[in-house]
Amino acid sequence: MDSASILLLSGGVESATLLHQLAQGGEQVQGLFVDYGQRGAGEERRAAAGQCEPLGVELVQLDLSRVGATFRRGQDRKAHVPLPHRNLVALSLGLSYATNLGARRLYLAANRDDTREYPSSSHAFLAQFRLLAGLLGEVELRTPYLDLSKADVVRRGVGLGVDFDTTYSCLLGYPVHCGRCPQCAKRRAAFRDAGVEERAGFYRVET
């Protein structure tokens, strides 16, 4: 697999769009899904698999759900994302997995807004992780969407023919998106800004 690439795939808007971009561009790519005990893991996994199958892309799943359950232990309310700095964990696993397979590229589909909101998606963190990857071997971390807003990614996905109805974004893990959680709110805003209408009934709560 010297020419292969590994894409951290969540089943969401950005990673689905990047999956299509890479596959349609002729790049040999394998999807890597990490279940870290997040509430939406089941729906995210189904969405990721649904994006990979028509493209003929293999999806590999890593089960860290018990780790997430341990992190939640003793909390009065279950956190939406049980692992602080989840990209630190996901990228480390992705780097190790890529090295194990002999892949040379590891893709993360973080967007511009992510770099401002999440420390483990910040430019400073990603720059340090690239240095770390270089120290450990020859896997290159690629982040092609860092200069794009979520709305920009939606527009790109539409151009690539991504079926966004089959992607998943809700933090609460409902089969039908709640429409109110932070991720649903960001998704709705991005589609509105991109001028793309989502199908009726996509959210449990309409606005």
N, C-alpha and C. Protein backbone atom coordinates (compact mmCIF):
# COMPACT_ATOMS: atom_id res chain seq x y z
N MET A 1 0.83 -1.22 0.00
CA MET A 1 0.00 0.00 0.00
C MET A 1 0.86 1.26 0.00
N ASP A 2 2.02 1.23 -0.62
CA ASP A 2 2.92 2.38 -0.59
C ASP A 2 2.28 3.63 -1.19
N SER A 3 1.30 3.47 -2.11
CA SER A 3 0.69 4.63 -2.75
C SER A 3 -0.67 4.97 -2.14
N ALA A 4 -1.06 4.26 -1.10
CA ALA A 4 -2.39 4.45 -0.54
C ALA A 4 -2.43 5.64 0.42
N SER A 5 -3.65 6.10 0.68
CA SER A 5 -3.89 7.16 1.64
C SER A 5 -4.93 6.69 2.64
N ILE A 6 -4.84 7.22 3.87
CA ILE A 6 -5.81 6.92 4.91
C ILE A 6 -6.58 8.21 5.21
N LEU A 7 -7.91 8.11 5.20
CA LEU A 7 -8.77 9.25 5.50
C LEU A 7 -9.54 8.97 6.78
N LEU A 8 -9.39 9.84 7.77
CA LEU A 8 -10.20 9.75 8.97
C LEU A 8 -11.63 10.14 8.59
N LEU A 9 -12.53 9.18 8.68
CA LEU A 9 -13.87 9.34 8.13
C LEU A 9 -14.90 9.27 9.26
N SER A 10 -15.70 10.35 9.40
CA SER A 10 -16.68 10.41 10.48
C SER A 10 -18.11 10.22 9.99
N GLY A 11 -18.30 10.25 8.67
CA GLY A 11 -19.64 10.19 8.13
C GLY A 11 -20.28 11.56 7.99
N GLY A 12 -19.55 12.62 8.36
CA GLY A 12 -20.08 13.97 8.29
C GLY A 12 -19.81 14.65 6.96
N VAL A 13 -20.17 15.92 6.89
CA VAL A 13 -20.11 16.69 5.65
C VAL A 13 -18.70 16.77 5.09
N GLU A 14 -17.74 17.17 5.94
CA GLU A 14 -16.38 17.40 5.44
C GLU A 14 -15.69 16.12 5.00
N SER A 15 -15.71 15.10 5.84
CA SER A 15 -14.98 13.88 5.49
C SER A 15 -15.63 13.16 4.32
N ALA A 16 -16.96 13.24 4.19
CA ALA A 16 -17.63 12.63 3.04
C ALA A 16 -17.23 13.35 1.76
N THR A 17 -17.17 14.68 1.82
CA THR A 17 -16.77 15.45 0.65
C THR A 17 -15.34 15.14 0.25
N LEU A 18 -14.44 15.07 1.23
CA LEU A 18 -13.04 14.77 0.91
C LEU A 18 -12.90 13.35 0.38
N LEU A 19 -13.68 12.42 0.90
CA LEU A 19 -13.67 11.05 0.38
C LEU A 19 -13.99 11.04 -1.11
N HIS A 20 -15.04 11.74 -1.49
CA HIS A 20 -15.42 11.79 -2.91
C HIS A 20 -14.36 12.50 -3.73
N GLN A 21 -13.79 13.56 -3.19
CA GLN A 21 -12.76 14.29 -3.93
C GLN A 21 -11.56 13.39 -4.21
N LEU A 22 -11.11 12.66 -3.21
CA LEU A 22 -9.95 11.80 -3.38
C LEU A 22 -10.26 10.64 -4.32
N ALA A 23 -11.41 9.99 -4.12
CA ALA A 23 -11.76 8.84 -4.94
C ALA A 23 -11.95 9.24 -6.40
N GLN A 24 -12.64 10.36 -6.62
CA GLN A 24 -12.87 10.81 -7.99
C GLN A 24 -11.59 11.31 -8.64
N GLY A 25 -10.64 11.73 -7.82
CA GLY A 25 -9.35 12.17 -8.35
C GLY A 25 -8.40 11.03 -8.64
N GLY A 26 -8.85 9.80 -8.40
CA GLY A 26 -8.05 8.62 -8.71
C GLY A 26 -7.08 8.21 -7.63
N GLU A 27 -7.20 8.82 -6.43
CA GLU A 27 -6.29 8.46 -5.34
C GLU A 27 -6.78 7.20 -4.65
N GLN A 28 -5.86 6.28 -4.41
CA GLN A 28 -6.19 5.05 -3.68
C GLN A 28 -6.35 5.42 -2.21
N VAL A 29 -7.55 5.25 -1.68
CA VAL A 29 -7.83 5.71 -0.33
C VAL A 29 -8.57 4.65 0.45
N GLN A 30 -8.32 4.63 1.74
CA GLN A 30 -9.04 3.74 2.66
C GLN A 30 -9.60 4.60 3.78
N GLY A 31 -10.87 4.37 4.14
CA GLY A 31 -11.49 5.11 5.21
C GLY A 31 -11.20 4.48 6.56
N LEU A 32 -11.00 5.31 7.57
CA LEU A 32 -10.75 4.83 8.93
C LEU A 32 -11.75 5.50 9.86
N PHE A 33 -12.63 4.70 10.46
CA PHE A 33 -13.65 5.22 11.38
C PHE A 33 -13.29 4.83 12.80
N VAL A 34 -13.32 5.81 13.71
CA VAL A 34 -12.97 5.56 15.10
C VAL A 34 -14.21 5.74 15.98
N ASP A 35 -14.62 4.66 16.63
CA ASP A 35 -15.69 4.71 17.62
C ASP A 35 -15.04 4.92 18.97
N TYR A 36 -15.17 6.15 19.52
CA TYR A 36 -14.57 6.46 20.81
C TYR A 36 -15.65 6.64 21.88
N GLY A 37 -16.80 6.04 21.64
CA GLY A 37 -17.88 6.10 22.61
C GLY A 37 -18.77 7.31 22.46
N GLN A 38 -18.66 8.03 21.34
CA GLN A 38 -19.53 9.18 21.10
C GLN A 38 -20.98 8.71 20.93
N ARG A 39 -21.92 9.55 21.30
CA ARG A 39 -23.33 9.16 21.25
C ARG A 39 -23.77 8.76 19.84
N GLY A 40 -23.26 9.44 18.85
CA GLY A 40 -23.69 9.18 17.48
C GLY A 40 -22.87 8.13 16.75
N ALA A 41 -22.09 7.33 17.47
CA ALA A 41 -21.17 6.40 16.82
C ALA A 41 -21.86 5.48 15.82
N GLY A 42 -23.01 4.91 16.22
CA GLY A 42 -23.70 3.98 15.33
C GLY A 42 -24.16 4.64 14.05
N GLU A 43 -24.76 5.82 14.17
CA GLU A 43 -25.23 6.53 12.98
C GLU A 43 -24.06 7.03 12.14
N GLU A 44 -23.01 7.48 12.80
CA GLU A 44 -21.82 7.94 12.07
C GLU A 44 -21.19 6.79 11.28
N ARG A 45 -21.11 5.63 11.91
CA ARG A 45 -20.54 4.46 11.24
C ARG A 45 -21.35 4.08 10.00
N ARG A 46 -22.67 4.07 10.16
CA ARG A 46 -23.52 3.73 9.01
C ARG A 46 -23.36 4.76 7.89
N ALA A 47 -23.27 6.02 8.27
CA ALA A 47 -23.10 7.06 7.25
C ALA A 47 -21.76 6.91 6.53
N ALA A 48 -20.71 6.64 7.30
CA ALA A 48 -19.38 6.46 6.69
C ALA A 48 -19.37 5.27 5.74
N ALA A 49 -19.97 4.16 6.17
CA ALA A 49 -20.03 2.98 5.32
C ALA A 49 -20.85 3.25 4.06
N GLY A 50 -21.95 4.01 4.23
CA GLY A 50 -22.79 4.33 3.09
C GLY A 50 -22.11 5.21 2.07
N GLN A 51 -21.17 6.04 2.51
CA GLN A 51 -20.40 6.86 1.58
C GLN A 51 -19.32 6.05 0.88
N CYS A 52 -18.73 5.09 1.59
CA CYS A 52 -17.64 4.31 1.02
C CYS A 52 -18.11 3.29 -0.01
N GLU A 53 -19.22 2.64 0.27
CA GLU A 53 -19.65 1.50 -0.55
C GLU A 53 -19.80 1.82 -2.03
N PRO A 54 -20.53 2.87 -2.42
CA PRO A 54 -20.69 3.14 -3.86
C PRO A 54 -19.40 3.55 -4.55
N LEU A 55 -18.42 3.99 -3.77
CA LEU A 55 -17.13 4.40 -4.35
C LEU A 55 -16.14 3.24 -4.39
N GLY A 56 -16.53 2.09 -3.81
CA GLY A 56 -15.63 0.95 -3.77
C GLY A 56 -14.47 1.16 -2.82
N VAL A 57 -14.68 1.97 -1.78
CA VAL A 57 -13.62 2.28 -0.81
C VAL A 57 -13.82 1.41 0.43
N GLU A 58 -12.75 0.82 0.90
CA GLU A 58 -12.82 0.00 2.12
C GLU A 58 -12.89 0.90 3.34
N LEU A 59 -13.76 0.53 4.28
CA LEU A 59 -13.85 1.25 5.55
C LEU A 59 -13.38 0.34 6.67
N VAL A 60 -12.37 0.78 7.39
CA VAL A 60 -11.85 0.04 8.55
C VAL A 60 -12.36 0.74 9.81
N GLN A 61 -12.80 -0.06 10.78
CA GLN A 61 -13.37 0.50 12.00
C GLN A 61 -12.52 0.13 13.21
N LEU A 62 -12.23 1.12 14.04
CA LEU A 62 -11.50 0.90 15.28
C LEU A 62 -12.45 1.16 16.45
N ASP A 63 -12.57 0.20 17.34
CA ASP A 63 -13.53 0.29 18.44
C ASP A 63 -12.85 0.69 19.74
N LEU A 64 -13.04 1.96 20.10
CA LEU A 64 -12.54 2.48 21.38
C LEU A 64 -13.71 2.84 22.29
N SER A 65 -14.86 2.24 22.04
CA SER A 65 -16.07 2.63 22.77
C SER A 65 -15.92 2.44 24.28
N ARG A 66 -15.19 1.43 24.70
CA ARG A 66 -15.02 1.21 26.14
C ARG A 66 -14.14 2.29 26.76
N VAL A 67 -13.25 2.86 25.96
CA VAL A 67 -12.45 3.98 26.44
C VAL A 67 -13.35 5.17 26.73
N GLY A 68 -14.26 5.45 25.78
CA GLY A 68 -15.19 6.55 25.98
C GLY A 68 -16.08 6.32 27.19
N ALA A 69 -16.52 5.07 27.36
CA ALA A 69 -17.37 4.75 28.51
C ALA A 69 -16.63 4.99 29.82
N THR A 70 -15.35 4.65 29.85
CA THR A 70 -14.54 4.86 31.05
C THR A 70 -14.39 6.35 31.35
N PHE A 71 -14.18 7.15 30.32
CA PHE A 71 -14.05 8.59 30.50
C PHE A 71 -15.34 9.19 31.05
N ARG A 72 -16.47 8.61 30.70
CA ARG A 72 -17.76 9.15 31.16
C ARG A 72 -18.09 8.73 32.59
N ARG A 73 -17.41 7.73 33.10
CA ARG A 73 -17.73 7.19 34.41
C ARG A 73 -17.71 8.28 35.49
N GLY A 74 -18.77 8.31 36.29
CA GLY A 74 -18.84 9.27 37.37
C GLY A 74 -19.42 10.61 36.99
N GLN A 75 -19.73 10.80 35.71
CA GLN A 75 -20.31 12.07 35.29
C GLN A 75 -21.83 12.01 35.46
N ASP A 76 -22.40 13.10 35.92
CA ASP A 76 -23.85 13.15 36.10
C ASP A 76 -24.57 13.14 34.76
N ARG A 77 -23.99 13.81 33.79
CA ARG A 77 -24.60 13.84 32.45
C ARG A 77 -23.57 13.34 31.45
N LYS A 78 -24.01 12.52 30.53
CA LYS A 78 -23.10 11.96 29.54
C LYS A 78 -22.67 13.05 28.56
N ALA A 79 -21.38 13.20 28.42
CA ALA A 79 -20.86 14.19 27.47
C ALA A 79 -21.12 13.73 26.04
N HIS A 80 -21.37 14.71 25.15
CA HIS A 80 -21.55 14.37 23.74
C HIS A 80 -20.27 13.75 23.18
N VAL A 81 -19.14 14.34 23.54
CA VAL A 81 -17.83 13.87 23.07
C VAL A 81 -17.02 13.49 24.29
N PRO A 82 -16.89 12.19 24.58
CA PRO A 82 -16.26 11.78 25.84
C PRO A 82 -14.76 11.99 25.90
N LEU A 83 -14.10 12.10 24.77
CA LEU A 83 -12.64 12.24 24.77
C LEU A 83 -12.22 13.68 24.53
N PRO A 84 -11.66 14.36 25.52
CA PRO A 84 -11.10 15.69 25.26
C PRO A 84 -9.98 15.57 24.22
N HIS A 85 -9.87 16.58 23.36
CA HIS A 85 -8.82 16.60 22.33
C HIS A 85 -8.89 15.34 21.47
N ARG A 86 -10.08 15.04 20.97
CA ARG A 86 -10.28 13.78 20.25
C ARG A 86 -9.39 13.65 19.01
N ASN A 87 -9.05 14.79 18.37
CA ASN A 87 -8.18 14.69 17.19
C ASN A 87 -6.79 14.19 17.56
N LEU A 88 -6.36 14.47 18.78
CA LEU A 88 -5.07 13.95 19.24
C LEU A 88 -5.10 12.42 19.20
N VAL A 89 -6.21 11.85 19.67
CA VAL A 89 -6.36 10.40 19.68
C VAL A 89 -6.54 9.87 18.26
N ALA A 90 -7.47 10.48 17.50
CA ALA A 90 -7.77 9.99 16.16
C ALA A 90 -6.56 10.09 15.23
N LEU A 91 -5.85 11.19 15.29
CA LEU A 91 -4.68 11.35 14.43
C LEU A 91 -3.56 10.40 14.82
N SER A 92 -3.39 10.18 16.12
CA SER A 92 -2.35 9.24 16.57
C SER A 92 -2.66 7.83 16.07
N LEU A 93 -3.92 7.43 16.19
CA LEU A 93 -4.32 6.12 15.68
C LEU A 93 -4.17 6.06 14.17
N GLY A 94 -4.58 7.14 13.50
CA GLY A 94 -4.45 7.18 12.05
C GLY A 94 -3.01 7.08 11.59
N LEU A 95 -2.12 7.79 12.29
CA LEU A 95 -0.70 7.74 11.96
C LEU A 95 -0.14 6.33 12.17
N SER A 96 -0.48 5.72 13.30
CA SER A 96 -0.01 4.37 13.59
C SER A 96 -0.55 3.39 12.56
N TYR A 97 -1.85 3.52 12.23
CA TYR A 97 -2.46 2.61 11.25
C TYR A 97 -1.83 2.79 9.87
N ALA A 98 -1.63 4.04 9.46
CA ALA A 98 -1.02 4.30 8.16
C ALA A 98 0.40 3.72 8.10
N THR A 99 1.15 3.89 9.18
CA THR A 99 2.50 3.33 9.24
C THR A 99 2.47 1.81 9.13
N ASN A 100 1.53 1.20 9.82
CA ASN A 100 1.40 -0.25 9.81
C ASN A 100 1.12 -0.78 8.41
N LEU A 101 0.32 -0.02 7.64
CA LEU A 101 -0.05 -0.45 6.30
C LEU A 101 0.94 -0.02 5.23
N GLY A 102 1.85 0.85 5.59
CA GLY A 102 2.78 1.37 4.61
C GLY A 102 2.19 2.49 3.77
N ALA A 103 1.10 3.10 4.28
CA ALA A 103 0.50 4.24 3.57
C ALA A 103 1.35 5.49 3.81
N ARG A 104 1.35 6.38 2.85
CA ARG A 104 2.21 7.57 2.94
C ARG A 104 1.46 8.84 3.30
N ARG A 105 0.13 8.82 3.21
CA ARG A 105 -0.63 10.05 3.46
C ARG A 105 -1.78 9.76 4.42
N LEU A 106 -1.99 10.69 5.35
CA LEU A 106 -3.09 10.63 6.30
C LEU A 106 -3.88 11.93 6.16
N TYR A 107 -5.17 11.81 5.87
CA TYR A 107 -6.01 12.98 5.63
C TYR A 107 -6.94 13.25 6.80
N LEU A 108 -7.07 14.54 7.14
CA LEU A 108 -8.03 15.02 8.12
C LEU A 108 -8.84 16.13 7.46
N ALA A 109 -10.17 16.03 7.51
CA ALA A 109 -11.02 16.97 6.79
C ALA A 109 -11.50 18.12 7.67
N ALA A 110 -10.63 18.65 8.51
CA ALA A 110 -10.99 19.80 9.34
C ALA A 110 -11.15 21.04 8.47
N ASN A 111 -12.13 21.90 8.83
CA ASN A 111 -12.34 23.12 8.07
C ASN A 111 -11.80 24.35 8.83
N ARG A 112 -11.95 25.51 8.22
CA ARG A 112 -11.41 26.74 8.80
C ARG A 112 -12.00 27.04 10.17
N ASP A 113 -13.31 26.82 10.31
CA ASP A 113 -13.96 27.09 11.59
C ASP A 113 -13.43 26.17 12.69
N ASP A 114 -13.12 24.93 12.33
CA ASP A 114 -12.58 23.98 13.31
C ASP A 114 -11.27 24.47 13.90
N THR A 115 -10.46 25.13 13.07
CA THR A 115 -9.14 25.58 13.54
C THR A 115 -9.29 26.63 14.64
N ARG A 116 -10.42 27.32 14.68
CA ARG A 116 -10.63 28.38 15.66
C ARG A 116 -11.33 27.85 16.91
N GLU A 117 -12.11 26.79 16.76
CA GLU A 117 -12.97 26.33 17.85
C GLU A 117 -12.39 25.18 18.66
N TYR A 118 -11.51 24.40 18.07
CA TYR A 118 -11.01 23.20 18.74
C TYR A 118 -9.48 23.23 18.79
N PRO A 119 -8.89 23.19 19.97
CA PRO A 119 -7.43 23.24 20.07
C PRO A 119 -6.73 22.14 19.27
N SER A 120 -7.35 20.95 19.20
CA SER A 120 -6.69 19.85 18.48
C SER A 120 -6.97 19.90 16.97
N SER A 121 -7.58 21.00 16.51
CA SER A 121 -7.69 21.27 15.08
C SER A 121 -7.00 22.58 14.71
N SER A 122 -6.36 23.21 15.68
CA SER A 122 -5.73 24.51 15.44
C SER A 122 -4.52 24.36 14.53
N HIS A 123 -4.17 25.45 13.88
CA HIS A 123 -2.98 25.43 13.01
C HIS A 123 -1.74 25.06 13.81
N ALA A 124 -1.62 25.58 15.03
CA ALA A 124 -0.43 25.30 15.85
C ALA A 124 -0.34 23.81 16.18
N PHE A 125 -1.46 23.23 16.59
CA PHE A 125 -1.45 21.80 16.92
C PHE A 125 -1.13 20.96 15.69
N LEU A 126 -1.77 21.25 14.57
CA LEU A 126 -1.55 20.44 13.37
C LEU A 126 -0.11 20.58 12.86
N ALA A 127 0.47 21.77 13.01
CA ALA A 127 1.87 21.95 12.62
C ALA A 127 2.78 21.09 13.48
N GLN A 128 2.51 21.03 14.78
CA GLN A 128 3.31 20.19 15.67
C GLN A 128 3.11 18.70 15.38
N PHE A 129 1.89 18.33 15.02
CA PHE A 129 1.64 16.93 14.71
C PHE A 129 2.37 16.53 13.43
N ARG A 130 2.43 17.44 12.47
CA ARG A 130 3.19 17.16 11.25
C ARG A 130 4.66 16.92 11.57
N LEU A 131 5.20 17.73 12.47
CA LEU A 131 6.59 17.53 12.89
C LEU A 131 6.77 16.18 13.55
N LEU A 132 5.83 15.82 14.40
CA LEU A 132 5.88 14.53 15.08
C LEU A 132 5.82 13.39 14.07
N ALA A 133 4.92 13.49 13.11
CA ALA A 133 4.81 12.45 12.09
C ALA A 133 6.11 12.32 11.32
N GLY A 134 6.75 13.46 11.05
CA GLY A 134 8.03 13.42 10.33
C GLY A 134 9.13 12.77 11.14
N LEU A 135 9.10 12.96 12.45
CA LEU A 135 10.09 12.33 13.31
C LEU A 135 9.91 10.82 13.37
N LEU A 136 8.65 10.38 13.27
CA LEU A 136 8.35 8.95 13.44
C LEU A 136 8.42 8.15 12.16
N GLY A 137 8.40 8.82 11.03
CA GLY A 137 8.41 8.06 9.77
C GLY A 137 8.12 8.94 8.58
N GLU A 138 7.46 8.36 7.58
CA GLU A 138 7.27 9.05 6.30
C GLU A 138 5.81 9.32 5.98
N VAL A 139 4.94 9.24 6.96
CA VAL A 139 3.52 9.53 6.73
C VAL A 139 3.31 11.05 6.77
N GLU A 140 2.68 11.58 5.73
CA GLU A 140 2.42 13.02 5.64
C GLU A 140 0.97 13.30 6.03
N LEU A 141 0.76 14.23 6.95
CA LEU A 141 -0.59 14.66 7.31
C LEU A 141 -1.03 15.73 6.32
N ARG A 142 -2.19 15.50 5.69
CA ARG A 142 -2.73 16.46 4.74
C ARG A 142 -4.09 16.96 5.25
N THR A 143 -4.27 18.27 5.17
CA THR A 143 -5.50 18.91 5.67
C THR A 143 -5.97 19.92 4.61
N PRO A 144 -6.54 19.46 3.51
CA PRO A 144 -6.81 20.35 2.38
C PRO A 144 -7.95 21.34 2.57
N TYR A 145 -8.74 21.20 3.65
CA TYR A 145 -9.91 22.07 3.82
C TYR A 145 -9.71 23.15 4.89
N LEU A 146 -8.50 23.34 5.36
CA LEU A 146 -8.28 24.29 6.45
C LEU A 146 -8.60 25.74 6.07
N ASP A 147 -8.57 26.05 4.78
CA ASP A 147 -8.87 27.41 4.34
C ASP A 147 -10.31 27.57 3.88
N LEU A 148 -11.11 26.51 4.04
CA LEU A 148 -12.50 26.54 3.58
C LEU A 148 -13.46 26.60 4.76
N SER A 149 -14.53 27.37 4.61
CA SER A 149 -15.60 27.34 5.60
C SER A 149 -16.45 26.09 5.37
N LYS A 150 -17.32 25.78 6.32
CA LYS A 150 -18.20 24.63 6.15
C LYS A 150 -19.11 24.82 4.93
N ALA A 151 -19.56 26.06 4.72
CA ALA A 151 -20.38 26.34 3.54
C ALA A 151 -19.59 26.10 2.25
N ASP A 152 -18.30 26.47 2.25
CA ASP A 152 -17.45 26.21 1.08
C ASP A 152 -17.38 24.71 0.80
N VAL A 153 -17.26 23.92 1.87
CA VAL A 153 -17.17 22.47 1.70
C VAL A 153 -18.49 21.92 1.15
N VAL A 154 -19.60 22.45 1.63
CA VAL A 154 -20.90 22.02 1.11
C VAL A 154 -20.98 22.28 -0.39
N ARG A 155 -20.57 23.46 -0.82
CA ARG A 155 -20.59 23.78 -2.25
C ARG A 155 -19.70 22.83 -3.04
N ARG A 156 -18.52 22.53 -2.50
CA ARG A 156 -17.63 21.60 -3.18
C ARG A 156 -18.26 20.22 -3.26
N GLY A 157 -18.90 19.79 -2.17
CA GLY A 157 -19.53 18.48 -2.16
C GLY A 157 -20.65 18.37 -3.17
N VAL A 158 -21.43 19.44 -3.31
CA VAL A 158 -22.50 19.44 -4.31
C VAL A 158 -21.91 19.26 -5.70
N GLY A 159 -20.81 19.94 -5.97
CA GLY A 159 -20.15 19.81 -7.26
C GLY A 159 -19.62 18.40 -7.52
N LEU A 160 -19.28 17.70 -6.44
CA LEU A 160 -18.76 16.34 -6.56
C LEU A 160 -19.87 15.29 -6.57
N GLY A 161 -21.10 15.73 -6.35
CA GLY A 161 -22.22 14.81 -6.34
C GLY A 161 -22.40 14.06 -5.03
N VAL A 162 -21.92 14.62 -3.93
CA VAL A 162 -22.09 13.97 -2.63
C VAL A 162 -23.57 13.96 -2.24
N ASP A 163 -24.06 12.81 -1.80
CA ASP A 163 -25.42 12.71 -1.30
C ASP A 163 -25.40 13.09 0.18
N PHE A 164 -25.62 14.35 0.47
CA PHE A 164 -25.53 14.84 1.84
C PHE A 164 -26.67 14.32 2.72
N ASP A 165 -27.74 13.85 2.10
CA ASP A 165 -28.84 13.27 2.89
C ASP A 165 -28.38 12.04 3.68
N THR A 166 -27.33 11.39 3.20
CA THR A 166 -26.84 10.17 3.86
C THR A 166 -25.65 10.43 4.77
N THR A 167 -25.27 11.70 4.95
CA THR A 167 -24.21 12.02 5.92
C THR A 167 -24.84 12.24 7.28
N TYR A 168 -24.00 12.28 8.31
CA TYR A 168 -24.53 12.39 9.67
C TYR A 168 -23.71 13.37 10.48
N SER A 169 -24.43 14.24 11.25
CA SER A 169 -23.75 15.30 12.00
C SER A 169 -24.19 15.44 13.45
N CYS A 170 -25.32 14.86 13.84
CA CYS A 170 -25.93 15.13 15.14
C CYS A 170 -25.10 14.58 16.29
N LEU A 171 -24.87 15.42 17.30
CA LEU A 171 -24.10 15.01 18.47
C LEU A 171 -24.87 14.05 19.38
N LEU A 172 -26.20 14.08 19.30
CA LEU A 172 -27.01 13.31 20.24
C LEU A 172 -27.27 11.88 19.78
N GLY A 173 -26.96 11.58 18.54
CA GLY A 173 -27.04 10.20 18.08
C GLY A 173 -28.42 9.73 17.67
N TYR A 174 -29.37 10.63 17.50
CA TYR A 174 -30.71 10.23 17.06
C TYR A 174 -30.67 9.77 15.60
N PRO A 175 -31.51 8.79 15.23
CA PRO A 175 -31.59 8.39 13.82
C PRO A 175 -31.95 9.56 12.90
N VAL A 176 -32.80 10.46 13.40
CA VAL A 176 -33.11 11.69 12.69
C VAL A 176 -32.42 12.84 13.42
N HIS A 177 -31.69 13.67 12.70
CA HIS A 177 -30.94 14.77 13.33
C HIS A 177 -31.84 15.60 14.23
N CYS A 178 -31.33 15.94 15.42
CA CYS A 178 -32.15 16.67 16.39
C CYS A 178 -32.49 18.08 15.90
N GLY A 179 -31.55 18.72 15.20
CA GLY A 179 -31.78 20.07 14.70
C GLY A 179 -31.39 21.16 15.67
N ARG A 180 -30.99 20.80 16.90
CA ARG A 180 -30.71 21.81 17.92
C ARG A 180 -29.31 21.77 18.50
N CYS A 181 -28.65 20.64 18.47
CA CYS A 181 -27.31 20.53 19.07
C CYS A 181 -26.33 21.42 18.29
N PRO A 182 -25.17 21.70 18.86
CA PRO A 182 -24.22 22.60 18.18
C PRO A 182 -23.85 22.15 16.77
N GLN A 183 -23.68 20.85 16.57
CA GLN A 183 -23.30 20.38 15.24
C GLN A 183 -24.44 20.53 14.24
N CYS A 184 -25.66 20.23 14.68
CA CYS A 184 -26.81 20.44 13.80
C CYS A 184 -26.95 21.91 13.44
N ALA A 185 -26.74 22.79 14.42
CA ALA A 185 -26.85 24.23 14.16
C ALA A 185 -25.80 24.69 13.15
N LYS A 186 -24.59 24.20 13.29
CA LYS A 186 -23.53 24.57 12.34
C LYS A 186 -23.82 24.03 10.95
N ARG A 187 -24.34 22.82 10.90
CA ARG A 187 -24.68 22.22 9.61
C ARG A 187 -25.77 23.04 8.91
N ARG A 188 -26.83 23.37 9.65
CA ARG A 188 -27.94 24.12 9.07
C ARG A 188 -27.45 25.46 8.55
N ALA A 189 -26.61 26.13 9.33
CA ALA A 189 -26.09 27.43 8.92
C ALA A 189 -25.23 27.32 7.67
N ALA A 190 -24.44 26.26 7.59
CA ALA A 190 -23.56 26.07 6.43
C ALA A 190 -24.36 25.83 5.16
N PHE A 191 -25.38 25.00 5.24
CA PHE A 191 -26.20 24.74 4.06
C PHE A 191 -26.96 26.00 3.65
N ARG A 192 -27.42 26.76 4.63
CA ARG A 192 -28.11 28.01 4.32
C ARG A 192 -27.16 28.99 3.64
N ASP A 193 -25.94 29.12 4.18
CA ASP A 193 -24.97 30.04 3.59
C ASP A 193 -24.52 29.59 2.20
N ALA A 194 -24.53 28.28 1.99
CA ALA A 194 -24.12 27.75 0.69
C ALA A 194 -25.25 27.82 -0.34
N GLY A 195 -26.46 28.16 0.13
CA GLY A 195 -27.60 28.22 -0.78
C GLY A 195 -28.09 26.85 -1.21
N VAL A 196 -27.87 25.85 -0.35
CA VAL A 196 -28.27 24.48 -0.64
C VAL A 196 -29.38 24.08 0.33
N GLU A 197 -30.49 23.63 -0.20
CA GLU A 197 -31.64 23.27 0.64
C GLU A 197 -31.58 21.79 1.01
N GLU A 198 -31.69 21.50 2.30
CA GLU A 198 -31.76 20.12 2.74
C GLU A 198 -33.20 19.62 2.65
N ARG A 199 -33.35 18.31 2.52
CA ARG A 199 -34.69 17.75 2.31
C ARG A 199 -35.58 17.99 3.53
N ALA A 200 -36.87 18.06 3.29
CA ALA A 200 -37.84 18.22 4.36
C ALA A 200 -37.79 17.00 5.28
N GLY A 201 -37.85 17.25 6.58
CA GLY A 201 -37.83 16.15 7.55
C GLY A 201 -36.45 15.67 7.93
N PHE A 202 -35.41 16.34 7.44
CA PHE A 202 -34.05 15.92 7.78
C PHE A 202 -33.78 16.12 9.27
N TYR A 203 -34.39 17.15 9.86
CA TYR A 203 -34.23 17.45 11.28
C TYR A 203 -35.54 17.19 12.03
N ARG A 204 -35.40 16.74 13.28
CA ARG A 204 -36.58 16.54 14.12
C ARG A 204 -37.28 17.84 14.43
N VAL A 205 -36.48 18.90 14.60
CA VAL A 205 -37.02 20.23 14.89
C VAL A 205 -36.71 21.12 13.72
N GLU A 206 -37.72 21.60 13.05
CA GLU A 206 -37.54 22.49 11.92
C GLU A 206 -37.53 23.94 12.41
N THR A 207 -36.93 24.82 11.62
CA THR A 207 -36.93 26.24 11.98
C THR A 207 -37.63 27.04 10.90
